Amino acid sequence: MANKTITIPLEIWVKMKDIKENLNQKSESPVHWRETWKYVIETYEQGLKNSKKIIPPLPKVPKQQKNLKEISGSKKIKIPKIDMNEIELSIPDPPIKKVIKIKLNTKQLGELAKKETEETKYILIECQICGDTPIMMPVPKNLVLDASEPVVDVSYIHGDPEHVLVAQLDHDFQVRRRRACWVVYEKDYQKS
């Protein structure tokens, strides 16, 4: 006979444990599970031979309590409230974009070094509206260094006609993302 795997419900195991403990009390040596099962099977077979069934009743497993509420004669399930602030979703922060690199010649590098002050850092960045030539964008150092976010948005209005270059900078003043857009002034559209 081939080996077979069977699943035994918890209530049967509870009853089997009780039977095994009873057999251990009656025996001088510890009773193995194999002997307990053998006892149960023999008892069952004797019950089949006799008109009276000797099979012990299954233990009573406590029923799960339902959260029910009586409302006008019908039963409705009471749904527990969940505080979303207590749930940890383990969602990681979005990855930071890679640094956008611009190749510099020695002249541009020298100009950047001359313009930089204690309060202002100059970065080279390309503006899609102006063209491919990189422009020098001044950035107040405290805006980036004092920010709590890992990437900071800084807008720079320039050009003719005026437009905005938005640069996302990390704390090393590296450009992670950039976007150029047109400027519309509120004062030009206010009614007098």
C-alpha atoms as a PDB file:
ATOM      1  CA  MET A   1       0.000   0.000   0.000  1.00  0.00           C
ATOM      2  CA  ALA A   2       1.382   3.400  -0.986  1.00  0.00           C
ATOM      3  CA  ASN A   3       1.794   6.117   1.625  1.00  0.00           C
ATOM      4  CA  LYS A   4      -1.108   8.564   1.665  1.00  0.00           C
ATOM      5  CA  THR A   5      -1.336  11.931   3.297  1.00  0.00           C
ATOM      6  CA  ILE A   6      -4.514  12.781   5.144  1.00  0.00           C
ATOM      7  CA  THR A   7      -5.595  15.952   6.878  1.00  0.00           C
ATOM      8  CA  ILE A   8      -7.068  15.636  10.352  1.00  0.00           C
ATOM      9  CA  PRO A   9      -9.233  18.489  11.668  1.00  0.00           C
ATOM     10  CA  LEU A  10      -8.225  20.261  14.876  1.00  0.00           C
ATOM     11  CA  GLU A  11     -11.213  19.006  16.862  1.00  0.00           C
ATOM     12  CA  ILE A  12     -10.149  15.390  16.138  1.00  0.00           C
ATOM     13  CA  TRP A  13      -6.620  16.165  17.380  1.00  0.00           C
ATOM     14  CA  VAL A  14      -8.051  17.662  20.562  1.00  0.00           C
ATOM     15  CA  LYS A  15     -10.095  14.519  21.192  1.00  0.00           C
ATOM     16  CA  MET A  16      -7.121  12.283  20.313  1.00  0.00           C
ATOM     17  CA  LYS A  17      -4.978  14.151  22.823  1.00  0.00           C
ATOM     18  CA  ASP A  18      -7.624  13.526  25.520  1.00  0.00           C
ATOM     19  CA  ILE A  19      -7.742   9.809  24.622  1.00  0.00           C
ATOM     20  CA  LYS A  20      -3.932   9.595  24.688  1.00  0.00           C
ATOM     21  CA  GLU A  21      -3.812  11.240  28.143  1.00  0.00           C
ATOM     22  CA  ASN A  22      -6.420   8.731  29.433  1.00  0.00           C
ATOM     23  CA  LEU A  23      -4.372   5.845  28.041  1.00  0.00           C
ATOM     24  CA  ASN A  24      -1.185   7.279  29.632  1.00  0.00           C
ATOM     25  CA  GLN A  25      -2.922   7.376  33.041  1.00  0.00           C
ATOM     26  CA  LYS A  26      -4.000   3.727  32.708  1.00  0.00           C
ATOM     27  CA  SER A  27      -0.606   2.520  31.407  1.00  0.00           C
ATOM     28  CA  GLU A  28       2.666   2.188  33.275  1.00  0.00           C
ATOM     29  CA  SER A  29       4.739   3.463  30.325  1.00  0.00           C
ATOM     30  CA  PRO A  30       4.064   6.387  27.956  1.00  0.00           C
ATOM     31  CA  VAL A  31       1.675   5.623  25.107  1.00  0.00           C
ATOM     32  CA  HIS A  32       2.750   6.531  21.572  1.00  0.00           C
ATOM     33  CA  TRP A  33       0.424   8.142  19.049  1.00  0.00           C
ATOM     34  CA  ARG A  34       0.510   4.930  16.997  1.00  0.00           C
ATOM     35  CA  GLU A  35      -0.954   3.007  19.963  1.00  0.00           C
ATOM     36  CA  THR A  36      -3.572   5.725  20.520  1.00  0.00           C
ATOM     37  CA  TRP A  37      -4.746   5.477  16.900  1.00  0.00           C
ATOM     38  CA  LYS A  38      -4.774   1.685  17.142  1.00  0.00           C
ATOM     39  CA  TYR A  39      -6.993   1.909  20.264  1.00  0.00           C
ATOM     40  CA  VAL A  40      -9.419   4.287  18.506  1.00  0.00           C
ATOM     41  CA  ILE A  41      -9.655   2.037  15.421  1.00  0.00           C
ATOM     42  CA  GLU A  42     -10.242  -1.084  17.547  1.00  0.00           C
ATOM     43  CA  THR A  43     -12.914   0.735  19.550  1.00  0.00           C
ATOM     44  CA  TYR A  44     -14.571   1.841  16.303  1.00  0.00           C
ATOM     45  CA  GLU A  45     -14.518  -1.706  14.874  1.00  0.00           C
ATOM     46  CA  GLN A  46     -16.040  -3.092  18.113  1.00  0.00           C
ATOM     47  CA  GLY A  47     -18.769  -0.469  17.808  1.00  0.00           C
ATOM     48  CA  LEU A  48     -19.570  -1.643  14.288  1.00  0.00           C
ATOM     49  CA  LYS A  49     -19.897  -5.253  15.502  1.00  0.00           C
ATOM     50  CA  ASN A  50     -22.151  -4.335  18.425  1.00  0.00           C
ATOM     51  CA  SER A  51     -25.540  -2.719  18.068  1.00  0.00           C
ATOM     52  CA  LYS A  52     -24.417   0.067  20.385  1.00  0.00           C
ATOM     53  CA  LYS A  53     -21.866   2.441  18.993  1.00  0.00           C
ATOM     54  CA  ILE A  54     -18.968   3.046  21.372  1.00  0.00           C
ATOM     55  CA  ILE A  55     -17.417   5.900  19.400  1.00  0.00           C
ATOM     56  CA  PRO A  56     -16.726   8.714  21.839  1.00  0.00           C
ATOM     57  CA  PRO A  57     -18.358  12.036  20.935  1.00  0.00           C
ATOM     58  CA  LEU A  58     -16.211  14.748  19.390  1.00  0.00           C
ATOM     59  CA  PRO A  59     -15.197  17.551  21.729  1.00  0.00           C
ATOM     60  CA  LYS A  60     -17.185  20.754  21.515  1.00  0.00           C
ATOM     61  CA  VAL A  61     -15.234  23.499  19.834  1.00  0.00           C
ATOM     62  CA  PRO A  62     -16.381  26.957  20.892  1.00  0.00           C
ATOM     63  CA  LYS A  63     -18.203  28.783  18.115  1.00  0.00           C
ATOM     64  CA  GLN A  64     -16.766  32.028  16.866  1.00  0.00           C
ATOM     65  CA  GLN A  65     -18.665  34.992  18.189  1.00  0.00           C
ATOM     66  CA  LYS A  66     -20.229  37.147  15.527  1.00  0.00           C
ATOM     67  CA  ASN A  67     -20.306  40.887  15.716  1.00  0.00           C
ATOM     68  CA  LEU A  68     -24.026  41.270  15.081  1.00  0.00           C
ATOM     69  CA  LYS A  69     -26.319  44.098  15.919  1.00  0.00           C
ATOM     70  CA  GLU A  70     -30.096  43.904  15.988  1.00  0.00           C
ATOM     71  CA  ILE A  71     -31.610  46.652  13.879  1.00  0.00           C
ATOM     72  CA  SER A  72     -35.385  46.643  13.375  1.00  0.00           C
ATOM     73  CA  GLY A  73     -35.614  42.868  13.525  1.00  0.00           C
ATOM     74  CA  SER A  74     -32.843  42.120  11.003  1.00  0.00           C
ATOM     75  CA  LYS A  75     -29.247  41.250  11.707  1.00  0.00           C
ATOM     76  CA  LYS A  76     -26.519  43.450  10.293  1.00  0.00           C
ATOM     77  CA  ILE A  77     -22.795  42.851  10.533  1.00  0.00           C
ATOM     78  CA  LYS A  78     -20.940  45.469  12.522  1.00  0.00           C
ATOM     79  CA  ILE A  79     -17.882  46.466  10.487  1.00  0.00           C
ATOM     80  CA  PRO A  80     -14.921  47.501  12.632  1.00  0.00           C
ATOM     81  CA  LYS A  81     -13.434  50.904  11.834  1.00  0.00           C
ATOM     82  CA  ILE A  82      -9.851  50.883  10.595  1.00  0.00           C
ATOM     83  CA  ASP A  83      -7.525  53.775  11.316  1.00  0.00           C
ATOM     84  CA  MET A  84      -5.464  54.184   8.140  1.00  0.00           C
ATOM     85  CA  ASN A  85      -2.751  56.028  10.102  1.00  0.00           C
ATOM     86  CA  GLU A  86      -1.993  52.845  12.046  1.00  0.00           C
ATOM     87  CA  ILE A  87      -1.462  50.710   8.946  1.00  0.00           C
ATOM     88  CA  GLU A  88       2.123  50.437   7.689  1.00  0.00           C
ATOM     89  CA  LEU A  89       1.976  49.912   3.937  1.00  0.00           C
ATOM     90  CA  SER A  90       5.749  49.615   3.442  1.00  0.00           C
ATOM     91  CA  ILE A  91       5.639  51.594   0.231  1.00  0.00           C
ATOM     92  CA  PRO A  92       9.143  52.738  -0.672  1.00  0.00           C
ATOM     93  CA  ASP A  93       9.876  56.306  -1.706  1.00  0.00           C
ATOM     94  CA  PRO A  94      10.064  56.788  -5.468  1.00  0.00           C
ATOM     95  CA  PRO A  95      13.604  56.501  -6.779  1.00  0.00           C
ATOM     96  CA  ILE A  96      15.492  59.732  -7.404  1.00  0.00           C
ATOM     97  CA  LYS A  97      16.226  60.374 -11.070  1.00  0.00           C
ATOM     98  CA  LYS A  98      19.803  60.100 -12.265  1.00  0.00           C
ATOM     99  CA  VAL A  99      21.934  63.240 -12.458  1.00  0.00           C
ATOM    100  CA  ILE A 100      21.681  65.169 -15.739  1.00  0.00           C
ATOM    101  CA  LYS A 101      25.259  65.799 -16.827  1.00  0.00           C
ATOM    102  CA  ILE A 102      26.470  68.678 -18.981  1.00  0.00           C
ATOM    103  CA  LYS A 103      29.942  68.694 -20.459  1.00  0.00           C
ATOM    104  CA  LEU A 104      31.890  71.816 -19.478  1.00  0.00           C
ATOM    105  CA  ASN A 105      34.844  73.427 -21.100  1.00  0.00           C
ATOM    106  CA  THR A 106      37.461  75.200 -18.964  1.00  0.00           C
ATOM    107  CA  LYS A 107      36.067  78.647 -19.828  1.00  0.00           C
ATOM    108  CA  GLN A 108      32.564  77.758 -18.528  1.00  0.00           C
ATOM    109  CA  LEU A 109      34.049  76.144 -15.447  1.00  0.00           C
ATOM    110  CA  GLY A 110      36.061  79.314 -14.708  1.00  0.00           C
ATOM    111  CA  GLU A 111      32.972  81.528 -15.146  1.00  0.00           C
ATOM    112  CA  LEU A 112      30.992  79.383 -12.711  1.00  0.00           C
ATOM    113  CA  ALA A 113      33.761  79.574 -10.102  1.00  0.00           C
ATOM    114  CA  LYS A 114      33.997  83.413 -10.404  1.00  0.00           C
ATOM    115  CA  LYS A 115      30.238  84.014 -10.050  1.00  0.00           C
ATOM    116  CA  GLU A 116      29.689  81.753  -7.018  1.00  0.00           C
ATOM    117  CA  THR A 117      29.318  83.475  -3.611  1.00  0.00           C
ATOM    118  CA  GLU A 118      28.664  82.294  -0.055  1.00  0.00           C
ATOM    119  CA  GLU A 119      24.900  82.713  -0.560  1.00  0.00           C
ATOM    120  CA  THR A 120      24.558  81.712  -4.217  1.00  0.00           C
ATOM    121  CA  LYS A 121      25.549  78.622  -6.175  1.00  0.00           C
ATOM    122  CA  TYR A 122      25.542  78.758  -9.986  1.00  0.00           C
ATOM    123  CA  ILE A 123      24.673  75.655 -11.936  1.00  0.00           C
ATOM    124  CA  LEU A 124      24.817  74.967 -15.662  1.00  0.00           C
ATOM    125  CA  ILE A 125      21.501  73.740 -17.026  1.00  0.00           C
ATOM    126  CA  GLU A 126      19.926  73.365 -20.459  1.00  0.00           C
ATOM    127  CA  CYS A 127      16.624  75.092 -21.236  1.00  0.00           C
ATOM    128  CA  GLN A 128      14.505  73.414 -23.930  1.00  0.00           C
ATOM    129  CA  ILE A 129      12.951  76.765 -24.916  1.00  0.00           C
ATOM    130  CA  CYS A 130      16.273  78.669 -25.240  1.00  0.00           C
ATOM    131  CA  GLY A 131      18.016  75.901 -27.157  1.00  0.00           C
ATOM    132  CA  ASP A 132      20.898  73.515 -26.596  1.00  0.00           C
ATOM    133  CA  THR A 133      23.328  76.043 -25.115  1.00  0.00           C
ATOM    134  CA  PRO A 134      23.559  75.608 -21.320  1.00  0.00           C
ATOM    135  CA  ILE A 135      22.710  78.645 -19.208  1.00  0.00           C
ATOM    136  CA  MET A 136      24.058  79.620 -15.770  1.00  0.00           C
ATOM    137  CA  MET A 137      21.242  79.472 -13.258  1.00  0.00           C
ATOM    138  CA  PRO A 138      21.732  81.126  -9.845  1.00  0.00           C
ATOM    139  CA  VAL A 139      20.421  79.089  -6.886  1.00  0.00           C
ATOM    140  CA  PRO A 140      20.254  80.428  -3.313  1.00  0.00           C
ATOM    141  CA  LYS A 141      22.211  77.840  -1.286  1.00  0.00           C
ATOM    142  CA  ASN A 142      19.877  78.002   1.720  1.00  0.00           C
ATOM    143  CA  LEU A 143      16.879  76.885  -0.414  1.00  0.00           C
ATOM    144  CA  VAL A 144      18.587  73.586  -1.170  1.00  0.00           C
ATOM    145  CA  LEU A 145      20.693  72.986   1.949  1.00  0.00           C
ATOM    146  CA  ASP A 146      17.895  73.783   4.449  1.00  0.00           C
ATOM    147  CA  ALA A 147      15.232  71.703   2.652  1.00  0.00           C
ATOM    148  CA  SER A 148      13.916  68.557   4.332  1.00  0.00           C
ATOM    149  CA  GLU A 149      13.113  66.863   0.996  1.00  0.00           C
ATOM    150  CA  PRO A 150      15.871  64.976  -0.833  1.00  0.00           C
ATOM    151  CA  VAL A 151      15.083  66.831  -4.084  1.00  0.00           C
ATOM    152  CA  VAL A 152      14.136  70.531  -4.208  1.00  0.00           C
ATOM    153  CA  ASP A 153      12.286  72.397  -6.995  1.00  0.00           C
ATOM    154  CA  VAL A 154      13.807  75.780  -7.927  1.00  0.00           C
ATOM    155  CA  SER A 155      12.271  78.026 -10.615  1.00  0.00           C
ATOM    156  CA  TYR A 156      14.289  80.509 -12.679  1.00  0.00           C
ATOM    157  CA  ILE A 157      12.618  83.170 -14.872  1.00  0.00           C
ATOM    158  CA  HIS A 158      14.815  84.223 -17.802  1.00  0.00           C
ATOM    159  CA  GLY A 159      14.954  84.784 -21.567  1.00  0.00           C
ATOM    160  CA  ASP A 160      13.174  86.999 -24.051  1.00  0.00           C
ATOM    161  CA  PRO A 161      10.238  86.409 -24.106  1.00  0.00           C
ATOM    162  CA  GLU A 162      10.318  85.466 -20.452  1.00  0.00           C
ATOM    163  CA  HIS A 163       9.826  81.822 -19.542  1.00  0.00           C
ATOM    164  CA  VAL A 164      10.504  79.629 -16.515  1.00  0.00           C
ATOM    165  CA  LEU A 165      13.047  76.884 -16.057  1.00  0.00           C
ATOM    166  CA  VAL A 166      12.213  74.557 -13.161  1.00  0.00           C
ATOM    167  CA  ALA A 167      15.140  72.509 -11.896  1.00  0.00           C
ATOM    168  CA  GLN A 168      14.913  69.676  -9.385  1.00  0.00           C
ATOM    169  CA  LEU A 169      18.162  69.725  -7.419  1.00  0.00           C
ATOM    170  CA  ASP A 170      19.551  67.312  -4.849  1.00  0.00           C
ATOM    171  CA  HIS A 171      21.540  68.505  -1.821  1.00  0.00           C
ATOM    172  CA  ASP A 172      24.752  68.346  -3.884  1.00  0.00           C
ATOM    173  CA  PHE A 173      23.227  70.844  -6.368  1.00  0.00           C
ATOM    174  CA  GLN A 174      23.053  68.136  -9.033  1.00  0.00           C
ATOM    175  CA  VAL A 175      20.161  68.481 -11.522  1.00  0.00           C
ATOM    176  CA  ARG A 176      17.850  65.459 -11.268  1.00  0.00           C
ATOM    177  CA  ARG A 177      15.082  66.736 -13.566  1.00  0.00           C
ATOM    178  CA  ARG A 178      14.319  69.931 -15.458  1.00  0.00           C
ATOM    179  CA  ARG A 179      11.366  71.463 -17.252  1.00  0.00           C
ATOM    180  CA  ALA A 180      10.804  74.718 -19.140  1.00  0.00           C
ATOM    181  CA  CYS A 181       7.424  76.454 -19.407  1.00  0.00           C
ATOM    182  CA  TRP A 182       5.946  79.770 -20.470  1.00  0.00           C
ATOM    183  CA  VAL A 183       5.054  82.516 -17.976  1.00  0.00           C
ATOM    184  CA  VAL A 184       1.611  84.119 -17.679  1.00  0.00           C
ATOM    185  CA  TYR A 185       1.376  87.118 -15.338  1.00  0.00           C
ATOM    186  CA  GLU A 186      -1.759  87.682 -13.264  1.00  0.00           C
ATOM    187  CA  LYS A 187      -1.460  91.482 -13.625  1.00  0.00           C
ATOM    188  CA  ASP A 188      -1.839  91.181 -17.422  1.00  0.00           C
ATOM    189  CA  TYR A 189      -5.290  89.599 -17.013  1.00  0.00           C
ATOM    190  CA  GLN A 190      -6.760  91.532 -14.083  1.00  0.00           C
ATOM    191  CA  LYS A 191      -9.655  93.845 -14.861  1.00  0.00           C
ATOM    192  CA  SER A 192      -9.162  97.441 -13.852  1.00  0.00           C
END
